Amino acid sequence: MADFPGFIAVETGEDGGLPLAIAWSLPDGQVKHTLIQPDDSWLNDELVALGDYSLEELEGLGVSPLDVIRELENDHFSETLLTAGVSDDESALARLFDAFGLDPFVELAPAESLYPDLPAGEWIRRRNELFGELGLEPLRADQEVQVMLALHQRLTEEDA
């Protein structure tokens, strides 16, 4: 099997794009996923949205934003990663990097751009169907990446 493209998804709180969890794929199709410990500067707003997570869960099970950045750098430095939600993921990644005064070293592109022969909206329709078929949730970063990988595999097999 050929290498998989790099897919990424960032799970955020409802307001302000607070990065709560991140997942990305590796060339062999494996998915890396982790919760993110919130930076203290992100928690200054009393109304910060933590989505489905508690602060204790994020702090206890998550990894530091700097460790997330280092791991992403090891896996995808200066690469373009594909996402289902470019603007949302870009703002969440920017917040992650801004906490350390860094510029993001990855670029994001829409995942559907990989499939120029698909009619407009077809990638999104098939992605949504696959979530239902696999019983996964589109707002979960790891499940989003799993669906993008599965859809890529299907579309690649159809083209073969």
Protein backbone atom coordinates (compact mmCIF):
# COMPACT_ATOMS: atom_id res chain seq x y z
CA MET A 1 0.00 0.00 0.00
CA ALA A 2 1.26 3.45 -0.89
CA ASP A 3 1.88 6.00 1.81
CA PHE A 4 -1.16 7.83 3.12
CA PRO A 5 -1.29 11.63 2.92
CA GLY A 6 -1.10 13.54 6.19
CA PHE A 7 -4.52 14.34 7.64
CA ILE A 8 -5.06 16.48 10.74
CA ALA A 9 -8.00 17.50 12.93
CA VAL A 10 -8.12 19.71 16.02
CA GLU A 11 -11.00 19.36 18.46
CA THR A 12 -11.96 22.70 19.99
CA GLY A 13 -14.26 24.14 22.59
CA GLU A 14 -17.35 25.81 21.21
CA ASP A 15 -16.15 29.39 21.70
CA GLY A 16 -12.81 30.82 20.75
CA GLY A 17 -11.25 27.73 19.25
CA LEU A 18 -9.56 26.51 22.44
CA PRO A 19 -7.59 23.43 21.29
CA LEU A 20 -8.73 20.47 23.41
CA ALA A 21 -7.49 17.47 21.41
CA ILE A 22 -5.51 16.91 18.25
CA ALA A 23 -5.03 13.98 15.90
CA TRP A 24 -2.99 13.45 12.77
CA SER A 25 -2.15 10.56 10.52
CA LEU A 26 1.21 9.04 9.73
CA PRO A 27 2.29 7.78 6.29
CA ASP A 28 1.52 4.18 7.31
CA GLY A 29 -2.09 5.07 8.16
CA GLN A 30 -1.68 5.12 11.94
CA VAL A 31 -3.36 7.92 13.86
CA LYS A 32 -1.71 9.87 16.68
CA HIS A 33 -4.17 11.44 19.09
CA THR A 34 -3.92 13.25 22.39
CA LEU A 35 -5.77 15.59 24.67
CA ILE A 36 -4.09 18.98 25.13
CA GLN A 37 -3.40 20.51 28.54
CA PRO A 38 -4.75 24.06 28.37
CA ASP A 39 -2.14 26.80 28.60
CA ASP A 40 -2.79 29.07 31.59
CA SER A 41 -3.27 32.05 29.27
CA TRP A 42 -6.18 30.24 27.59
CA LEU A 43 -8.05 29.85 30.87
CA ASN A 44 -8.22 33.54 31.81
CA ASP A 45 -11.73 33.77 30.41
CA GLU A 46 -14.17 32.34 32.94
CA LEU A 47 -16.50 31.27 30.14
CA VAL A 48 -13.94 29.21 28.25
CA ALA A 49 -15.62 26.24 26.59
CA LEU A 50 -14.07 22.82 27.23
CA GLY A 51 -16.44 20.84 25.05
CA ASP A 52 -16.97 17.30 26.35
CA TYR A 53 -13.95 17.50 28.69
CA SER A 54 -13.41 18.67 32.24
CA LEU A 55 -10.42 20.80 33.17
CA GLU A 56 -9.19 17.95 35.39
CA GLU A 57 -9.40 15.51 32.48
CA LEU A 58 -7.43 17.81 30.15
CA GLU A 59 -4.79 18.55 32.77
CA GLY A 60 -4.47 14.94 33.93
CA LEU A 61 -4.67 13.06 30.63
CA GLY A 62 -3.48 15.72 28.19
CA VAL A 63 0.02 16.65 27.15
CA SER A 64 1.49 20.13 27.18
CA PRO A 65 0.98 22.28 24.08
CA LEU A 66 4.76 22.41 23.65
CA ASP A 67 4.97 18.60 23.61
CA VAL A 68 2.18 18.51 21.00
CA ILE A 69 4.13 20.98 18.85
CA ARG A 70 7.34 18.95 19.20
CA GLU A 71 5.60 15.70 18.25
CA LEU A 72 3.91 17.33 15.26
CA GLU A 73 7.28 18.76 14.23
CA ASN A 74 8.87 15.28 14.39
CA ASP A 75 6.14 13.84 12.18
CA HIS A 76 5.27 16.61 9.72
CA PHE A 77 7.77 19.51 9.70
CA SER A 78 7.22 21.84 6.70
CA GLU A 79 4.47 19.67 5.25
CA THR A 80 0.97 20.43 4.05
CA LEU A 81 -1.63 18.53 6.05
CA LEU A 82 -5.17 17.93 4.89
CA THR A 83 -8.20 18.81 6.97
CA ALA A 84 -11.97 18.79 6.77
CA GLY A 85 -12.20 22.22 8.45
CA VAL A 86 -9.32 24.42 7.30
CA SER A 87 -10.24 27.71 8.99
CA ASP A 88 -11.25 26.13 12.32
CA ASP A 89 -8.14 23.95 12.45
CA GLU A 90 -5.89 26.84 11.39
CA SER A 91 -7.16 29.08 14.17
CA ALA A 92 -6.82 26.30 16.76
CA LEU A 93 -3.27 25.50 15.60
CA ALA A 94 -2.38 29.21 15.61
CA ARG A 95 -3.53 29.41 19.23
CA LEU A 96 -1.39 26.38 20.10
CA PHE A 97 1.71 27.92 18.50
CA ASP A 98 0.98 31.48 19.73
CA ALA A 99 1.25 30.29 23.33
CA PHE A 100 5.00 29.97 22.66
CA GLY A 101 5.46 32.83 20.20
CA LEU A 102 5.98 30.37 17.33
CA ASP A 103 4.75 30.41 13.76
CA PRO A 104 3.08 27.21 12.57
CA PHE A 105 5.49 25.06 10.54
CA VAL A 106 2.72 23.14 8.76
CA GLU A 107 0.24 24.39 6.21
CA LEU A 108 -3.32 23.18 5.99
CA ALA A 109 -5.28 22.44 2.85
CA PRO A 110 -8.80 21.14 2.33
CA ALA A 111 -8.82 17.34 2.15
CA GLU A 112 -11.19 17.37 -0.81
CA SER A 113 -8.48 19.13 -2.87
CA LEU A 114 -6.77 15.72 -3.13
CA TYR A 115 -9.62 14.52 -5.34
CA PRO A 116 -10.05 17.03 -8.19
CA ASP A 117 -12.18 14.59 -10.22
CA LEU A 118 -14.94 14.45 -7.59
CA PRO A 119 -17.91 16.76 -8.23
CA ALA A 120 -18.23 19.72 -5.86
CA GLY A 121 -19.65 18.61 -2.50
CA GLU A 122 -19.17 14.89 -3.21
CA TRP A 123 -16.21 14.50 -0.82
CA ILE A 124 -18.21 16.08 2.01
CA ARG A 125 -21.29 13.95 1.25
CA ARG A 126 -19.25 10.74 1.25
CA ARG A 127 -17.37 11.79 4.41
CA ASN A 128 -20.67 12.36 6.22
CA GLU A 129 -21.98 8.97 5.05
CA LEU A 130 -18.82 7.27 6.28
CA PHE A 131 -19.23 8.75 9.77
CA GLY A 132 -22.66 7.13 9.96
CA GLU A 133 -21.48 3.87 8.45
CA LEU A 134 -18.58 3.57 10.91
CA GLY A 135 -20.56 4.89 13.90
CA LEU A 136 -18.07 7.68 14.54
CA GLU A 137 -18.48 11.32 15.64
CA PRO A 138 -17.34 14.18 13.37
CA LEU A 139 -16.40 16.45 16.27
CA ARG A 140 -13.81 14.04 17.70
CA ALA A 141 -10.35 14.70 16.27
CA ASP A 142 -9.20 11.07 16.16
CA GLN A 143 -12.43 9.89 14.56
CA GLU A 144 -12.29 12.69 11.99
CA VAL A 145 -8.81 11.56 10.93
CA GLN A 146 -9.92 7.90 10.83
CA VAL A 147 -12.78 8.81 8.49
CA MET A 148 -10.52 10.88 6.21
CA LEU A 149 -8.08 7.93 6.00
CA ALA A 150 -10.88 5.45 5.26
CA LEU A 151 -12.39 7.73 2.63
CA HIS A 152 -8.98 8.24 1.03
CA GLN A 153 -8.50 4.49 0.85
CA ARG A 154 -11.93 4.01 -0.76
CA LEU A 155 -11.41 6.77 -3.30
CA THR A 156 -7.92 5.47 -4.16
CA GLU A 157 -9.28 1.94 -4.66
CA GLU A 158 -12.09 3.26 -6.86
CA ASP A 159 -9.54 5.04 -9.08
CA ALA A 160 -7.38 1.91 -9.41
